[in-house]
Amino acid sequence: MENKFFTFIKPYLSFIDNGHLYRKPVSWLYTLLAVVNLFLPIYGFNQSVDDVDFTSAKSIIVFLLLWLTIAFACWVSFQLWWDRKTKVTTTSVEGDEFVATPVFSHLIQTLGEWFGTWIGIVGFSGALLSTFAGIDVNYLSSQLGIPFLDDGFLYVILMPIYGFLIIVGARFLAELFRALSSIANNTRKN
């Protein structure tokens, strides 16, 4: 039964089976998230500048320093997503039976790296600035739309640790999924 009526979707099935259906859209998602991270500081600044308390020079300086920290974290995030967009396309090779799991694993890893980096950089800086400047952190976090900010010397120490643990935890889950799919792919080949 090799006539066109029964086999015209073969190229489509091959596209699904070899993993292109999973790798390409996730690569596009990474590109989109990289670009969003480039424009996020500008959007955040425009949204929050109306709410800034311009009566105090201290609050303006803290706001600007925290915004610069957010812009830096977004630049790091842009580079992270941009780098990973090319690496996700090589998560599986032709002939692998398990092709979606490595892509999903890579997404978990990259999301964890991104979120952990954000918590580490922005959380540390926000806690440090609000602690030493004596600014109400609830007011500052509501201005910038960052719900995880807290003040106090304890949070200056904890935020980088939280960020590190998020990165390590996401990497562990991703490697666990990759190991399982690698074992399954190698077992099938032998």
Protein backbone atom coordinates (compact mmCIF):
# COMPACT_ATOMS: atom_id res chain seq x y z
CA MET A 1 0.00 0.00 0.00
CA GLU A 2 2.54 2.59 -1.12
CA ASN A 3 0.15 4.80 -3.07
CA LYS A 4 -0.27 8.56 -2.43
CA PHE A 5 -3.64 8.09 -0.76
CA PHE A 6 -2.03 6.30 2.21
CA THR A 7 1.37 8.03 2.32
CA PHE A 8 0.85 11.71 1.49
CA ILE A 9 1.36 12.73 5.15
CA LYS A 10 4.68 10.89 5.47
CA PRO A 11 6.75 14.13 5.38
CA TYR A 12 4.58 15.56 8.14
CA LEU A 13 4.96 12.45 10.27
CA SER A 14 8.70 12.50 9.70
CA PHE A 15 8.74 16.16 10.81
CA ILE A 16 7.01 15.14 14.05
CA ASP A 17 9.07 12.01 14.64
CA ASN A 18 12.52 13.55 14.15
CA GLY A 19 11.82 16.36 16.63
CA HIS A 20 11.74 19.40 14.35
CA LEU A 21 8.16 20.06 15.42
CA TYR A 22 9.37 20.54 19.01
CA ARG A 23 12.79 22.13 18.57
CA LYS A 24 11.91 24.87 16.07
CA PRO A 25 8.96 26.44 17.93
CA VAL A 26 10.86 26.35 21.23
CA SER A 27 13.77 28.07 19.50
CA TRP A 28 11.33 30.74 18.28
CA LEU A 29 9.97 31.06 21.83
CA TYR A 30 13.52 31.63 23.11
CA THR A 31 14.05 34.33 20.49
CA LEU A 32 10.78 36.01 21.49
CA LEU A 33 11.71 35.91 25.19
CA ALA A 34 15.15 37.35 24.39
CA VAL A 35 13.56 40.28 22.56
CA VAL A 36 10.99 40.79 25.34
CA ASN A 37 13.86 41.03 27.83
CA LEU A 38 15.41 43.80 25.74
CA PHE A 39 12.26 45.91 25.86
CA LEU A 40 11.17 45.05 29.41
CA PRO A 41 13.22 47.79 31.16
CA ILE A 42 11.84 50.47 28.83
CA TYR A 43 8.28 49.26 29.33
CA GLY A 44 8.78 48.99 33.10
CA PHE A 45 10.24 52.47 33.31
CA ASN A 46 7.34 53.97 31.35
CA GLN A 47 4.80 52.14 33.49
CA SER A 48 6.35 53.03 36.84
CA VAL A 49 7.68 56.57 36.34
CA ASP A 50 4.23 58.04 37.00
CA ASP A 51 4.12 56.36 40.41
CA VAL A 52 7.56 57.49 41.63
CA ASP A 53 7.60 59.77 44.65
CA PHE A 54 9.57 62.71 43.26
CA THR A 55 9.44 64.60 46.57
CA SER A 56 12.49 62.82 47.91
CA ALA A 57 15.86 62.76 46.17
CA LYS A 58 16.64 59.52 47.98
CA SER A 59 13.62 57.72 46.50
CA ILE A 60 14.48 58.99 43.01
CA ILE A 61 18.08 57.78 43.31
CA VAL A 62 17.01 54.38 44.66
CA PHE A 63 14.41 54.06 41.91
CA LEU A 64 16.98 54.85 39.21
CA LEU A 65 19.59 52.50 40.69
CA LEU A 66 17.07 49.69 40.91
CA TRP A 67 15.90 50.39 37.36
CA LEU A 68 19.54 50.19 36.19
CA THR A 69 19.81 46.86 38.00
CA ILE A 70 16.67 45.64 36.24
CA ALA A 71 18.06 46.82 32.90
CA PHE A 72 21.27 44.90 33.62
CA ALA A 73 19.32 41.76 34.61
CA CYS A 74 17.32 42.07 31.40
CA TRP A 75 20.50 42.37 29.35
CA VAL A 76 21.88 39.23 31.01
CA SER A 77 18.53 37.53 30.40
CA PHE A 78 18.56 38.56 26.74
CA GLN A 79 21.99 37.00 26.32
CA LEU A 80 20.88 33.83 28.12
CA TRP A 81 17.79 33.30 25.95
CA TRP A 82 19.69 34.27 22.77
CA ASP A 83 22.45 31.75 23.51
CA ARG A 84 20.05 28.96 24.41
CA LYS A 85 17.94 29.40 21.25
CA THR A 86 20.68 27.78 19.18
CA LYS A 87 21.41 25.09 21.74
CA VAL A 88 17.81 23.86 21.96
CA THR A 89 17.91 22.89 18.28
CA THR A 90 20.63 20.30 19.04
CA THR A 91 18.91 18.57 21.96
CA SER A 92 18.22 15.43 19.94
CA VAL A 93 19.64 13.86 16.82
CA GLU A 94 18.20 12.02 13.86
CA GLY A 95 17.11 8.54 14.88
CA ASP A 96 16.33 9.29 18.53
CA GLU A 97 13.01 7.89 19.60
CA PHE A 98 12.56 10.32 22.49
CA VAL A 99 12.76 13.80 21.01
CA ALA A 100 10.27 15.91 22.99
CA THR A 101 11.69 15.17 26.44
CA PRO A 102 15.12 16.74 25.77
CA VAL A 103 13.44 19.88 24.38
CA PHE A 104 11.15 20.16 27.41
CA SER A 105 14.14 19.50 29.65
CA HIS A 106 16.07 22.30 27.98
CA LEU A 107 13.10 24.65 28.49
CA ILE A 108 12.96 23.80 32.21
CA GLN A 109 16.70 24.40 32.53
CA THR A 110 16.61 27.73 30.72
CA LEU A 111 13.56 28.98 32.63
CA GLY A 112 15.33 28.10 35.89
CA GLU A 113 18.52 29.87 34.80
CA TRP A 114 16.55 32.94 33.81
CA PHE A 115 14.40 33.11 36.95
CA GLY A 116 17.30 32.31 39.29
CA THR A 117 19.40 35.01 37.68
CA TRP A 118 16.58 37.52 38.07
CA ILE A 119 16.02 36.64 41.72
CA GLY A 120 19.76 36.76 42.42
CA ILE A 121 20.48 40.08 40.72
CA VAL A 122 17.28 42.08 41.21
CA GLY A 123 16.39 40.58 44.60
CA PHE A 124 19.88 41.21 45.99
CA SER A 125 20.03 44.77 44.64
CA GLY A 126 16.51 45.63 45.75
CA ALA A 127 17.12 44.32 49.25
CA LEU A 128 20.46 46.10 49.45
CA LEU A 129 19.15 49.43 48.17
CA SER A 130 15.99 49.44 50.27
CA THR A 131 17.87 48.36 53.41
CA PHE A 132 20.62 50.95 53.25
CA ALA A 133 18.51 53.79 51.84
CA GLY A 134 15.68 53.25 54.31
CA ILE A 135 13.04 53.18 51.57
CA ASP A 136 9.79 51.31 52.17
CA VAL A 137 10.31 48.17 50.10
CA ASN A 138 6.59 47.54 49.65
CA TYR A 139 6.24 50.95 48.03
CA LEU A 140 9.33 50.38 45.88
CA SER A 141 8.26 46.92 44.73
CA SER A 142 4.75 48.14 43.88
CA GLN A 143 6.26 50.96 41.78
CA LEU A 144 8.33 48.53 39.74
CA GLY A 145 5.94 45.56 39.74
CA ILE A 146 8.41 43.21 41.44
CA PRO A 147 6.56 41.20 44.10
CA PHE A 148 9.55 39.33 45.54
CA LEU A 149 11.45 42.33 46.94
CA ASP A 150 11.96 42.48 50.67
CA ASP A 151 14.27 44.52 52.84
CA GLY A 152 16.64 43.66 55.60
CA PHE A 153 20.19 42.42 55.71
CA LEU A 154 18.92 38.82 55.78
CA TYR A 155 17.40 39.25 52.31
CA VAL A 156 20.63 40.77 51.00
CA ILE A 157 22.19 37.38 51.80
CA LEU A 158 19.20 35.18 50.97
CA MET A 159 18.28 36.49 47.51
CA PRO A 160 21.51 35.33 45.79
CA ILE A 161 21.17 31.99 47.61
CA TYR A 162 17.56 31.65 46.41
CA GLY A 163 18.67 32.46 42.88
CA PHE A 164 21.44 29.89 43.06
CA LEU A 165 19.10 27.22 44.41
CA ILE A 166 16.56 27.91 41.65
CA ILE A 167 19.28 27.54 39.00
CA VAL A 168 20.64 24.35 40.54
CA GLY A 169 17.16 22.85 41.08
CA ALA A 170 16.07 23.55 37.51
CA ARG A 171 19.35 22.19 36.17
CA PHE A 172 18.94 19.03 38.28
CA LEU A 173 15.42 18.42 36.94
CA ALA A 174 16.56 19.09 33.38
CA GLU A 175 19.52 16.73 33.68
CA LEU A 176 17.29 14.08 35.22
CA PHE A 177 14.90 14.25 32.26
CA ARG A 178 17.79 14.28 29.79
CA ALA A 179 19.42 11.30 31.48
CA LEU A 180 16.21 9.30 31.29
CA SER A 181 15.70 10.07 27.60
CA SER A 182 19.38 9.41 26.86
CA ILE A 183 19.24 6.03 28.59
CA ALA A 184 16.03 5.18 26.72
CA ASN A 185 17.50 6.25 23.36
CA ASN A 186 20.76 4.35 23.94
CA THR A 187 18.97 1.23 25.17
CA ARG A 188 16.84 1.11 22.04
CA LYS A 189 19.90 1.46 19.78
CA ASN A 190 21.78 -1.45 21.46
